[in-house]
C-alpha cells in the first residue's frame, strides 16, 4: 500500500515540480536549452535542445530506482515509478498531442484536452524568456475551458 500511495503522490506532485522547473529554470537560468522550443526557426532537427530536460528527469527516476535496488527502499521505488509515469504522461500530452511531433493524435472534442491545447498555445505566444503564462502541463485554468483567453 505504501508503494501505491508513494507512486500516486509522486505522480501528482510532479505537476508542481514541472511547473516550477518550467517557470524558474527553463525560462530562467537554462533558457538557452528551452529557447528552441519557443523559437522554431533556430533549428531544423526533430530533436530540440529542450529535450535535454527529459534526461534530467530520467536521471532522477533512475537514481530512485537505484536506491531501491541497493537499499530496498520501497519509497524510492515509488518515487522512481511516479516520476516515470509523469514523464510518460508528459510525453504523450505535450509532444504527441499538443506539438504533434509524431502525427498520431490530431483531433479531439474532449473539453479538457481542448482547454489544455489552448493554454499551451497561449504559453507559446510568448517567444521570449519573460512574460510567459501557463507553465504547468496538466492543470488548466478555467478560463481556457470557456475560451476567455
Protein backbone atom coordinates (compact mmCIF):
# COMPACT_ATOMS: atom_id res chain seq x y z
CA UNK A 1 0.00 0.00 0.00
CA UNK A 2 2.89 2.39 0.76
CA UNK A 3 4.25 1.77 -2.73
CA UNK A 4 0.93 2.66 -4.39
CA UNK A 5 0.50 5.80 -2.27
CA UNK A 6 4.07 6.91 -2.98
CA UNK A 7 3.58 6.41 -6.73
CA UNK A 8 0.31 8.36 -6.66
CA UNK A 9 1.65 11.25 -4.57
CA UNK A 10 4.84 11.50 -6.64
CA UNK A 11 2.94 11.50 -9.94
CA UNK A 12 0.59 14.24 -8.70
CA UNK A 13 3.39 16.34 -7.16
CA UNK A 14 5.38 16.15 -10.40
CA UNK A 15 2.95 18.65 -11.94
CA UNK A 16 4.13 21.21 -9.37
CA UNK A 17 7.75 20.25 -9.92
CA UNK A 18 7.30 20.57 -13.70
CA UNK A 19 5.59 23.96 -13.26
CA UNK A 20 8.44 25.27 -11.10
CA UNK A 21 11.12 23.88 -13.40
CA UNK A 22 9.40 25.38 -16.42
CA UNK A 23 8.85 28.82 -14.92
CA UNK A 24 12.08 29.30 -12.96
CA UNK A 25 14.64 27.03 -14.63
CA UNK A 26 13.61 26.66 -18.28
CA UNK A 27 12.51 30.30 -18.52
CA UNK A 28 15.36 31.30 -16.22
CA UNK A 29 18.92 30.03 -15.92
CA UNK A 30 18.54 27.38 -18.65
CA UNK A 31 16.62 29.45 -21.21
CA UNK A 32 19.40 28.64 -23.70
CA UNK A 33 18.22 25.00 -23.65
CA UNK A 34 14.49 25.80 -23.71
CA UNK A 35 14.51 28.65 -26.25
CA UNK A 36 14.47 26.40 -29.32
CA UNK A 37 11.14 25.02 -28.10
CA UNK A 38 9.61 28.51 -28.40
CA UNK A 39 11.51 29.82 -31.41
CA UNK A 40 11.19 27.12 -34.04
CA UNK A 41 13.27 28.86 -36.73
CA UNK A 42 16.59 28.37 -34.95
CA UNK A 43 16.73 24.61 -35.63
CA UNK A 44 15.51 22.18 -38.24
CA UNK A 45 16.00 18.92 -36.38
CA UNK A 46 13.37 16.58 -34.94
CA UNK A 47 15.17 16.87 -31.60
CA UNK A 48 15.46 20.12 -29.66
CA UNK A 49 17.94 21.28 -27.02
CA UNK A 50 14.82 21.45 -24.85
CA UNK A 51 14.65 17.63 -24.94
CA UNK A 52 17.63 17.57 -22.58
CA UNK A 53 15.20 18.22 -19.71
CA UNK A 54 13.86 14.69 -20.26
CA UNK A 55 17.35 13.44 -19.43
CA UNK A 56 17.32 15.42 -16.17
CA UNK A 57 14.08 13.81 -15.02
CA UNK A 58 15.22 10.39 -16.25
CA UNK A 59 18.31 10.71 -14.04
CA UNK A 60 16.06 11.44 -11.04
CA UNK A 61 13.93 8.39 -11.81
CA UNK A 62 16.97 6.14 -12.42
CA UNK A 63 18.56 7.35 -9.18
CA UNK A 64 15.40 6.48 -7.26
CA UNK A 65 15.30 3.02 -8.88
CA UNK A 66 18.98 2.55 -8.00
CA UNK A 67 18.39 3.47 -4.35
CA UNK A 68 15.59 0.91 -4.24
CA UNK A 69 17.81 -1.70 -5.88
CA UNK A 70 20.70 -1.10 -3.49
CA UNK A 71 18.88 -0.44 -0.21
CA UNK A 72 15.44 -1.96 -0.83
CA UNK A 73 13.63 1.30 -0.03
CA UNK A 74 10.02 0.97 -1.21
CA UNK A 75 9.61 4.76 -1.15
CA UNK A 76 12.48 5.12 -3.64
CA UNK A 77 10.80 2.63 -5.94
CA UNK A 78 7.53 4.59 -5.68
CA UNK A 79 9.28 7.86 -6.45
CA UNK A 80 11.07 6.33 -9.43
CA UNK A 81 7.84 4.91 -10.82
CA UNK A 82 5.92 8.14 -10.13
CA UNK A 83 8.48 10.30 -11.95
CA UNK A 84 8.49 7.80 -14.83
CA UNK A 85 4.68 7.79 -15.07
CA UNK A 86 4.58 11.60 -15.14
CA UNK A 87 7.26 11.57 -17.85
CA UNK A 88 5.18 9.22 -19.99
CA UNK A 89 2.06 11.36 -19.46
CA UNK A 90 4.06 14.49 -20.28
CA UNK A 91 5.44 12.95 -23.48
CA UNK A 92 2.02 11.76 -24.65
CA UNK A 93 0.23 15.03 -23.87
CA UNK A 94 2.95 17.58 -24.69
CA UNK A 95 4.90 16.03 -27.53
CA UNK A 96 2.31 13.81 -29.21
CA UNK A 97 -0.98 15.63 -28.60
CA UNK A 98 -0.06 19.31 -28.34
CA UNK A 99 3.02 19.65 -30.54
CA UNK A 100 2.26 16.74 -32.88
CA UNK A 101 5.91 15.67 -33.03
CA UNK A 102 4.53 12.38 -34.30
CA UNK A 103 1.27 12.95 -36.16
CA UNK A 104 -0.99 10.41 -34.47
CA UNK A 105 -3.46 12.27 -32.23
CA UNK A 106 -4.76 15.25 -34.14
CA UNK A 107 -8.46 15.63 -33.41
CA UNK A 108 -10.46 15.63 -30.23
CA UNK A 109 -13.69 17.05 -28.91
CA UNK A 110 -12.74 16.45 -25.29
CA UNK A 111 -13.18 19.78 -23.42
CA UNK A 112 -10.22 19.15 -21.10
CA UNK A 113 -7.83 18.35 -23.95
CA UNK A 114 -9.04 21.36 -25.96
CA UNK A 115 -8.52 23.64 -22.94
CA UNK A 116 -5.08 22.12 -22.40
CA UNK A 117 -4.16 22.80 -26.01
CA UNK A 118 -5.44 26.43 -25.74
CA UNK A 119 -3.45 27.08 -22.57
CA UNK A 120 -0.27 25.74 -24.13
CA UNK A 121 -0.84 27.80 -27.27
CA UNK A 122 -1.07 30.91 -25.10
CA UNK A 123 2.18 29.89 -23.40
CA UNK A 124 3.90 29.66 -26.77
CA UNK A 125 2.50 33.02 -27.84
CA UNK A 126 5.36 34.48 -25.79
CA UNK A 127 8.53 33.85 -27.78
CA UNK A 128 10.88 35.33 -25.21
CA UNK A 129 12.16 34.34 -21.83
CA UNK A 130 9.88 36.72 -19.90
CA UNK A 131 6.15 37.49 -19.67
CA UNK A 132 5.08 33.87 -20.04
CA UNK A 133 1.96 32.26 -18.62
CA UNK A 134 0.55 28.73 -18.18
CA UNK A 135 3.75 26.99 -17.14
CA UNK A 136 2.07 23.79 -16.00
CA UNK A 137 1.15 20.86 -18.16
CA UNK A 138 -1.88 19.02 -16.79
CA UNK A 139 -3.60 21.64 -14.63
CA UNK A 140 -5.59 24.03 -16.84
CA UNK A 141 -7.07 27.32 -15.56
CA UNK A 142 -10.84 27.54 -16.05
CA UNK A 143 -10.64 30.49 -18.47
CA UNK A 144 -9.23 28.14 -21.13
CA UNK A 145 -12.34 25.97 -20.94
CA UNK A 146 -14.53 28.97 -21.63
CA UNK A 147 -12.30 30.40 -24.32
CA UNK A 148 -11.73 33.65 -22.37
CA UNK A 149 -8.07 33.95 -23.17
